[in-house]
Amino acid sequence: MTRRASSSRKPRRPGPAASTRGPGKLRLIGGDFRRRQLPVLDHPGLRPTPDRVRETLFNWLTAAVPGARALDLFAGTGALGLEALSRGAREAVFVEADARVARQLADNLDTLGASERATLMTTEAQAFLAGTAAPFSLVFLDPPFHRDLAADCCAALETGGWLDEEAWIYLETESSLEPAVPATWQPHREVRAGDSTGRLYRRRPAESQSPDGDGC
């Protein structure tokens, strides 16, 4: 993978850690880091995937996570990528455009002792997807709501060579949005919490789909 100057193999803290709100905590719910609590930055629009949704999602992905190469696009707190590392993912790449949010994520990776298996890219998701691809078996896609980013990012993941042949993709959007996804992404499960809906897809190349188009 081509890494830009703003990234590093081991996440580094480019400056003093940003202040955090006392009660703002992210709790990991399974695996090696189970019950570890990490500070969450007080930052507009930062919304960690709720515990209940993460628990449901990773129950669905039990067999897929160990040994996976995971991408946490629009990482924010990194809740999904951190949970994947906790549960045995071989590697996780976190993409986060905001430098302050990225610094807190780097701190949390260090706290967990997970930096060796993590790459933190401080860049826009679209810029990352325009780079040189290395396929992932597991992708978490949680774009900011009401900014029409989901469809373009889904298309870029598919056409840019970012996905293993039968990758798993989790897409979280506002519930009012019916996301447009590539035809090779077959719906697997769905979970709703508040004003958000999470959809889990399995990539199925056209030749592996059944004649009626149902690849599940």
C-alpha atoms as a PDB file:
ATOM      1  CA  MET A   1       0.000   0.000   0.000  1.00  0.00           C
ATOM      2  CA  THR A   2       1.290   3.496  -0.727  1.00  0.00           C
ATOM      3  CA  ARG A   3       1.433   5.451   2.507  1.00  0.00           C
ATOM      4  CA  ARG A   4       1.289   9.217   2.498  1.00  0.00           C
ATOM      5  CA  ALA A   5       3.429  11.503   4.574  1.00  0.00           C
ATOM      6  CA  SER A   6       0.574  11.916   7.040  1.00  0.00           C
ATOM      7  CA  SER A   7       0.556   8.213   7.914  1.00  0.00           C
ATOM      8  CA  SER A   8       2.849   5.824   9.735  1.00  0.00           C
ATOM      9  CA  ARG A   9       3.047   2.132  10.352  1.00  0.00           C
ATOM     10  CA  LYS A  10       2.950   2.712  14.101  1.00  0.00           C
ATOM     11  CA  PRO A  11       0.463   5.425  15.043  1.00  0.00           C
ATOM     12  CA  ARG A  12       2.313   8.413  16.466  1.00  0.00           C
ATOM     13  CA  ARG A  13       1.143  11.309  18.564  1.00  0.00           C
ATOM     14  CA  PRO A  14       1.992  14.448  16.585  1.00  0.00           C
ATOM     15  CA  GLY A  15       1.240  16.741  19.502  1.00  0.00           C
ATOM     16  CA  PRO A  16      -0.364  16.972  22.941  1.00  0.00           C
ATOM     17  CA  ALA A  17      -3.414  14.785  23.279  1.00  0.00           C
ATOM     18  CA  ALA A  18      -6.672  16.653  22.905  1.00  0.00           C
ATOM     19  CA  SER A  19      -8.817  17.115  25.958  1.00  0.00           C
ATOM     20  CA  THR A  20     -11.513  14.558  26.601  1.00  0.00           C
ATOM     21  CA  ARG A  21     -14.756  14.687  28.471  1.00  0.00           C
ATOM     22  CA  GLY A  22     -14.702  12.787  31.764  1.00  0.00           C
ATOM     23  CA  PRO A  23     -17.754  10.575  31.124  1.00  0.00           C
ATOM     24  CA  GLY A  24     -16.894  10.040  27.429  1.00  0.00           C
ATOM     25  CA  LYS A  25     -15.780   6.412  27.249  1.00  0.00           C
ATOM     26  CA  LEU A  26     -15.620   3.677  24.652  1.00  0.00           C
ATOM     27  CA  ARG A  27     -15.988   0.180  26.104  1.00  0.00           C
ATOM     28  CA  LEU A  28     -14.698  -2.787  24.133  1.00  0.00           C
ATOM     29  CA  ILE A  29     -17.003  -5.728  24.527  1.00  0.00           C
ATOM     30  CA  GLY A  30     -15.197  -8.874  23.384  1.00  0.00           C
ATOM     31  CA  GLY A  31     -11.860 -10.561  22.830  1.00  0.00           C
ATOM     32  CA  ASP A  32      -8.456  -9.730  24.308  1.00  0.00           C
ATOM     33  CA  PHE A  33      -9.436  -6.147  25.208  1.00  0.00           C
ATOM     34  CA  ARG A  34     -12.827  -7.036  26.618  1.00  0.00           C
ATOM     35  CA  ARG A  35     -14.135  -4.484  29.136  1.00  0.00           C
ATOM     36  CA  ARG A  36     -11.276  -2.082  28.499  1.00  0.00           C
ATOM     37  CA  GLN A  37     -12.523   1.502  28.562  1.00  0.00           C
ATOM     38  CA  LEU A  38     -10.956   4.201  26.428  1.00  0.00           C
ATOM     39  CA  PRO A  39     -11.483   7.974  26.396  1.00  0.00           C
ATOM     40  CA  VAL A  40     -13.611   9.478  23.653  1.00  0.00           C
ATOM     41  CA  LEU A  41     -12.853  12.951  22.352  1.00  0.00           C
ATOM     42  CA  ASP A  42     -15.490  15.639  22.840  1.00  0.00           C
ATOM     43  CA  HIS A  43     -15.867  16.422  19.153  1.00  0.00           C
ATOM     44  CA  PRO A  44     -18.889  17.396  17.010  1.00  0.00           C
ATOM     45  CA  GLY A  45     -20.359  14.495  15.096  1.00  0.00           C
ATOM     46  CA  LEU A  46     -18.248  11.840  16.794  1.00  0.00           C
ATOM     47  CA  ARG A  47     -20.644   8.953  17.461  1.00  0.00           C
ATOM     48  CA  PRO A  48     -19.192   5.561  18.403  1.00  0.00           C
ATOM     49  CA  THR A  49     -21.228   2.593  17.193  1.00  0.00           C
ATOM     50  CA  PRO A  50     -23.359   1.610  20.224  1.00  0.00           C
ATOM     51  CA  ASP A  51     -22.360  -1.399  22.340  1.00  0.00           C
ATOM     52  CA  ARG A  52     -25.487  -3.338  21.410  1.00  0.00           C
ATOM     53  CA  VAL A  53     -24.897  -2.879  17.699  1.00  0.00           C
ATOM     54  CA  ARG A  54     -21.231  -3.851  17.964  1.00  0.00           C
ATOM     55  CA  GLU A  55     -22.103  -6.948  19.948  1.00  0.00           C
ATOM     56  CA  THR A  56     -24.680  -7.980  17.358  1.00  0.00           C
ATOM     57  CA  LEU A  57     -22.355  -7.264  14.443  1.00  0.00           C
ATOM     58  CA  PHE A  58     -19.425  -9.205  15.834  1.00  0.00           C
ATOM     59  CA  ASN A  59     -21.650 -12.128  16.724  1.00  0.00           C
ATOM     60  CA  TRP A  60     -22.483 -12.275  13.021  1.00  0.00           C
ATOM     61  CA  LEU A  61     -18.778 -12.023  12.146  1.00  0.00           C
ATOM     62  CA  THR A  62     -17.466 -14.548  14.682  1.00  0.00           C
ATOM     63  CA  ALA A  63     -15.811 -16.762  12.074  1.00  0.00           C
ATOM     64  CA  ALA A  64     -14.688 -13.933   9.802  1.00  0.00           C
ATOM     65  CA  VAL A  65     -12.644 -11.771  12.188  1.00  0.00           C
ATOM     66  CA  PRO A  66      -9.724 -14.001  13.319  1.00  0.00           C
ATOM     67  CA  GLY A  67      -6.846 -13.441  10.916  1.00  0.00           C
ATOM     68  CA  ALA A  68      -8.740 -10.773   8.942  1.00  0.00           C
ATOM     69  CA  ARG A  69      -7.188  -7.722   7.350  1.00  0.00           C
ATOM     70  CA  ALA A  70      -9.646  -4.994   8.360  1.00  0.00           C
ATOM     71  CA  LEU A  71     -10.306  -1.457   7.139  1.00  0.00           C
ATOM     72  CA  ASP A  72     -12.070   1.059   9.391  1.00  0.00           C
ATOM     73  CA  LEU A  73     -13.003   3.868   6.998  1.00  0.00           C
ATOM     74  CA  PHE A  74     -14.212   7.133   8.592  1.00  0.00           C
ATOM     75  CA  ALA A  75     -12.756   5.597  11.766  1.00  0.00           C
ATOM     76  CA  GLY A  76     -13.676   8.258  14.337  1.00  0.00           C
ATOM     77  CA  THR A  77     -13.166   6.578  17.703  1.00  0.00           C
ATOM     78  CA  GLY A  78     -12.039   3.437  15.893  1.00  0.00           C
ATOM     79  CA  ALA A  79     -14.624   1.407  17.802  1.00  0.00           C
ATOM     80  CA  LEU A  80     -15.161  -1.136  15.029  1.00  0.00           C
ATOM     81  CA  GLY A  81     -11.524  -1.578  14.061  1.00  0.00           C
ATOM     82  CA  LEU A  82     -10.457  -1.807  17.711  1.00  0.00           C
ATOM     83  CA  GLU A  83     -13.117  -4.435  18.346  1.00  0.00           C
ATOM     84  CA  ALA A  84     -11.806  -6.392  15.350  1.00  0.00           C
ATOM     85  CA  LEU A  85      -8.233  -6.244  16.686  1.00  0.00           C
ATOM     86  CA  SER A  86      -9.485  -7.357  20.085  1.00  0.00           C
ATOM     87  CA  ARG A  87     -11.128 -10.382  18.496  1.00  0.00           C
ATOM     88  CA  GLY A  88      -8.113 -11.546  16.530  1.00  0.00           C
ATOM     89  CA  ALA A  89      -7.874  -9.518  13.321  1.00  0.00           C
ATOM     90  CA  ARG A  90      -4.349  -9.776  11.923  1.00  0.00           C
ATOM     91  CA  GLU A  91      -4.219  -6.104  10.956  1.00  0.00           C
ATOM     92  CA  ALA A  92      -6.439  -3.025  10.954  1.00  0.00           C
ATOM     93  CA  VAL A  93      -6.075   0.135   8.909  1.00  0.00           C
ATOM     94  CA  PHE A  94      -7.827   3.184  10.358  1.00  0.00           C
ATOM     95  CA  VAL A  95      -8.654   6.155   8.116  1.00  0.00           C
ATOM     96  CA  GLU A  96      -9.563   9.383   9.905  1.00  0.00           C
ATOM     97  CA  ALA A  97      -9.398  12.878   8.402  1.00  0.00           C
ATOM     98  CA  ASP A  98      -9.539  14.935  11.599  1.00  0.00           C
ATOM     99  CA  ALA A  99      -6.077  15.275  13.186  1.00  0.00           C
ATOM    100  CA  ARG A 100      -7.394  15.717  16.746  1.00  0.00           C
ATOM    101  CA  VAL A 101      -9.593  12.641  16.503  1.00  0.00           C
ATOM    102  CA  ALA A 102      -6.712  10.688  14.955  1.00  0.00           C
ATOM    103  CA  ARG A 103      -4.393  11.671  17.831  1.00  0.00           C
ATOM    104  CA  GLN A 104      -6.857  10.280  20.372  1.00  0.00           C
ATOM    105  CA  LEU A 105      -7.180   7.068  18.358  1.00  0.00           C
ATOM    106  CA  ALA A 106      -3.376   6.765  18.271  1.00  0.00           C
ATOM    107  CA  ASP A 107      -3.290   7.187  22.061  1.00  0.00           C
ATOM    108  CA  ASN A 108      -5.915   4.485  22.491  1.00  0.00           C
ATOM    109  CA  LEU A 109      -4.037   2.064  20.242  1.00  0.00           C
ATOM    110  CA  ASP A 110      -0.927   2.655  22.330  1.00  0.00           C
ATOM    111  CA  THR A 111      -2.876   2.141  25.552  1.00  0.00           C
ATOM    112  CA  LEU A 112      -4.103  -1.240  24.303  1.00  0.00           C
ATOM    113  CA  GLY A 113      -0.667  -2.261  23.036  1.00  0.00           C
ATOM    114  CA  ALA A 114      -2.226  -2.712  19.598  1.00  0.00           C
ATOM    115  CA  SER A 115      -0.083  -0.291  17.579  1.00  0.00           C
ATOM    116  CA  GLU A 116       2.010  -3.048  16.020  1.00  0.00           C
ATOM    117  CA  ARG A 117      -1.062  -4.386  14.216  1.00  0.00           C
ATOM    118  CA  ALA A 118      -2.460  -0.991  13.249  1.00  0.00           C
ATOM    119  CA  THR A 119      -1.893   1.589  10.533  1.00  0.00           C
ATOM    120  CA  LEU A 120      -3.425   5.019  11.062  1.00  0.00           C
ATOM    121  CA  MET A 121      -3.984   7.181   7.989  1.00  0.00           C
ATOM    122  CA  THR A 122      -4.780  10.836   8.698  1.00  0.00           C
ATOM    123  CA  THR A 123      -6.492  11.643   5.428  1.00  0.00           C
ATOM    124  CA  GLU A 124      -9.913  11.930   3.820  1.00  0.00           C
ATOM    125  CA  ALA A 125     -11.553   8.608   3.003  1.00  0.00           C
ATOM    126  CA  GLN A 126     -11.949   9.570  -0.649  1.00  0.00           C
ATOM    127  CA  ALA A 127      -8.230  10.399  -0.931  1.00  0.00           C
ATOM    128  CA  PHE A 128      -7.330   7.085   0.668  1.00  0.00           C
ATOM    129  CA  LEU A 129      -9.553   5.178  -1.769  1.00  0.00           C
ATOM    130  CA  ALA A 130      -7.917   6.983  -4.689  1.00  0.00           C
ATOM    131  CA  GLY A 131      -4.558   5.471  -3.691  1.00  0.00           C
ATOM    132  CA  THR A 132      -2.947   2.130  -4.407  1.00  0.00           C
ATOM    133  CA  ALA A 133      -5.196  -0.677  -3.201  1.00  0.00           C
ATOM    134  CA  ALA A 134      -4.363  -3.710  -1.104  1.00  0.00           C
ATOM    135  CA  PRO A 135      -7.416  -5.945  -0.585  1.00  0.00           C
ATOM    136  CA  PHE A 136      -9.229  -6.260   2.747  1.00  0.00           C
ATOM    137  CA  SER A 137     -11.344  -9.161   3.930  1.00  0.00           C
ATOM    138  CA  LEU A 138     -13.349  -6.999   6.352  1.00  0.00           C
ATOM    139  CA  VAL A 139     -14.437  -3.376   5.873  1.00  0.00           C
ATOM    140  CA  PHE A 140     -16.281  -1.059   8.257  1.00  0.00           C
ATOM    141  CA  LEU A 141     -17.842   1.944   6.544  1.00  0.00           C
ATOM    142  CA  ASP A 142     -19.485   4.561   8.761  1.00  0.00           C
ATOM    143  CA  PRO A 143     -19.557   7.902   6.891  1.00  0.00           C
ATOM    144  CA  PRO A 144     -20.909  11.129   8.423  1.00  0.00           C
ATOM    145  CA  PHE A 145     -24.664  11.285   8.094  1.00  0.00           C
ATOM    146  CA  HIS A 146     -26.463  13.450   5.523  1.00  0.00           C
ATOM    147  CA  ARG A 147     -23.387  14.103   3.362  1.00  0.00           C
ATOM    148  CA  ASP A 148     -24.079  11.619   0.539  1.00  0.00           C
ATOM    149  CA  LEU A 149     -20.733   9.858   0.924  1.00  0.00           C
ATOM    150  CA  ALA A 150     -21.857   6.244   1.204  1.00  0.00           C
ATOM    151  CA  ALA A 151     -22.603   5.415  -2.441  1.00  0.00           C
ATOM    152  CA  ASP A 152     -19.368   6.870  -3.836  1.00  0.00           C
ATOM    153  CA  CYS A 153     -17.239   5.138  -1.207  1.00  0.00           C
ATOM    154  CA  CYS A 154     -18.979   1.812  -1.772  1.00  0.00           C
ATOM    155  CA  ALA A 155     -18.350   2.111  -5.507  1.00  0.00           C
ATOM    156  CA  ALA A 156     -14.692   3.037  -4.955  1.00  0.00           C
ATOM    157  CA  LEU A 157     -14.168   0.051  -2.667  1.00  0.00           C
ATOM    158  CA  GLU A 158     -15.563  -2.262  -5.329  1.00  0.00           C
ATOM    159  CA  THR A 159     -13.920  -0.822  -8.430  1.00  0.00           C
ATOM    160  CA  GLY A 160     -10.599   0.131  -6.844  1.00  0.00           C
ATOM    161  CA  GLY A 161      -9.525  -3.364  -5.857  1.00  0.00           C
ATOM    162  CA  TRP A 162      -9.936  -2.836  -2.106  1.00  0.00           C
ATOM    163  CA  LEU A 163     -11.973  -5.978  -1.427  1.00  0.00           C
ATOM    164  CA  ASP A 164     -11.072  -9.640  -1.193  1.00  0.00           C
ATOM    165  CA  GLU A 165     -13.128 -11.892  -3.418  1.00  0.00           C
ATOM    166  CA  GLU A 166     -15.614 -12.685  -0.634  1.00  0.00           C
ATOM    167  CA  ALA A 167     -15.065  -9.751   1.708  1.00  0.00           C
ATOM    168  CA  TRP A 168     -17.491  -8.740   4.425  1.00  0.00           C
ATOM    169  CA  ILE A 169     -18.616  -5.091   4.400  1.00  0.00           C
ATOM    170  CA  TYR A 170     -20.495  -3.364   7.220  1.00  0.00           C
ATOM    171  CA  LEU A 171     -22.181  -0.089   6.227  1.00  0.00           C
ATOM    172  CA  GLU A 172     -23.788   2.196   8.801  1.00  0.00           C
ATOM    173  CA  THR A 173     -25.961   5.092   7.611  1.00  0.00           C
ATOM    174  CA  GLU A 174     -28.878   7.234   8.720  1.00  0.00           C
ATOM    175  CA  SER A 175     -32.029   5.127   8.693  1.00  0.00           C
ATOM    176  CA  SER A 176     -33.695   7.437   6.183  1.00  0.00           C
ATOM    177  CA  LEU A 177     -31.109   6.460   3.555  1.00  0.00           C
ATOM    178  CA  GLU A 178     -31.490   3.402   1.347  1.00  0.00           C
ATOM    179  CA  PRO A 179     -27.850   3.002   0.306  1.00  0.00           C
ATOM    180  CA  ALA A 180     -26.859   2.158  -3.253  1.00  0.00           C
ATOM    181  CA  VAL A 181     -24.254  -0.601  -3.165  1.00  0.00           C
ATOM    182  CA  PRO A 182     -22.490  -2.625  -5.882  1.00  0.00           C
ATOM    183  CA  ALA A 183     -24.424  -5.555  -7.341  1.00  0.00           C
ATOM    184  CA  THR A 184     -21.776  -7.957  -6.037  1.00  0.00           C
ATOM    185  CA  TRP A 185     -22.607  -7.052  -2.414  1.00  0.00           C
ATOM    186  CA  GLN A 186     -25.257  -9.440  -1.139  1.00  0.00           C
ATOM    187  CA  PRO A 187     -27.288  -8.370   1.953  1.00  0.00           C
ATOM    188  CA  HIS A 188     -26.649 -10.616   4.940  1.00  0.00           C
ATOM    189  CA  ARG A 189     -28.049  -9.011   8.089  1.00  0.00           C
ATOM    190  CA  GLU A 190     -29.382  -5.657   9.289  1.00  0.00           C
ATOM    191  CA  VAL A 191     -29.531  -3.930  12.671  1.00  0.00           C
ATOM    192  CA  ARG A 192     -31.158  -0.635  13.667  1.00  0.00           C
ATOM    193  CA  ALA A 193     -30.383   1.630  16.627  1.00  0.00           C
ATOM    194  CA  GLY A 194     -31.904   5.070  17.066  1.00  0.00           C
ATOM    195  CA  ASP A 195     -31.581   7.048  13.839  1.00  0.00           C
ATOM    196  CA  SER A 196     -28.981   4.714  12.301  1.00  0.00           C
ATOM    197  CA  THR A 197     -29.152   1.420  10.431  1.00  0.00           C
ATOM    198  CA  GLY A 198     -26.245  -0.971  10.020  1.00  0.00           C
ATOM    199  CA  ARG A 199     -26.182  -3.367   7.074  1.00  0.00           C
ATOM    200  CA  LEU A 200     -23.780  -6.269   6.705  1.00  0.00           C
ATOM    201  CA  TYR A 201     -22.974  -7.422   3.169  1.00  0.00           C
ATOM    202  CA  ARG A 202     -20.975 -10.331   1.760  1.00  0.00           C
ATOM    203  CA  ARG A 203     -19.188  -9.736  -1.497  1.00  0.00           C
ATOM    204  CA  ARG A 204     -20.067 -12.391  -4.058  1.00  0.00           C
ATOM    205  CA  PRO A 205     -18.461 -12.125  -7.512  1.00  0.00           C
ATOM    206  CA  ALA A 206     -20.983 -12.599 -10.312  1.00  0.00           C
ATOM    207  CA  GLU A 207     -19.719 -16.058 -11.221  1.00  0.00           C
ATOM    208  CA  SER A 208     -20.340 -17.343  -7.667  1.00  0.00           C
ATOM    209  CA  GLN A 209     -23.949 -16.150  -7.459  1.00  0.00           C
ATOM    210  CA  SER A 210     -26.805 -18.550  -7.992  1.00  0.00           C
ATOM    211  CA  PRO A 211     -28.839 -18.261 -11.234  1.00  0.00           C
ATOM    212  CA  ASP A 212     -31.611 -16.312  -9.504  1.00  0.00           C
ATOM    213  CA  GLY A 213     -29.097 -13.708  -8.352  1.00  0.00           C
ATOM    214  CA  ASP A 214     -29.136 -14.667  -4.659  1.00  0.00           C
ATOM    215  CA  GLY A 215     -25.559 -15.157  -3.571  1.00  0.00           C
ATOM    216  CA  CYS A 216     -26.320 -15.691   0.116  1.00  0.00           C
END
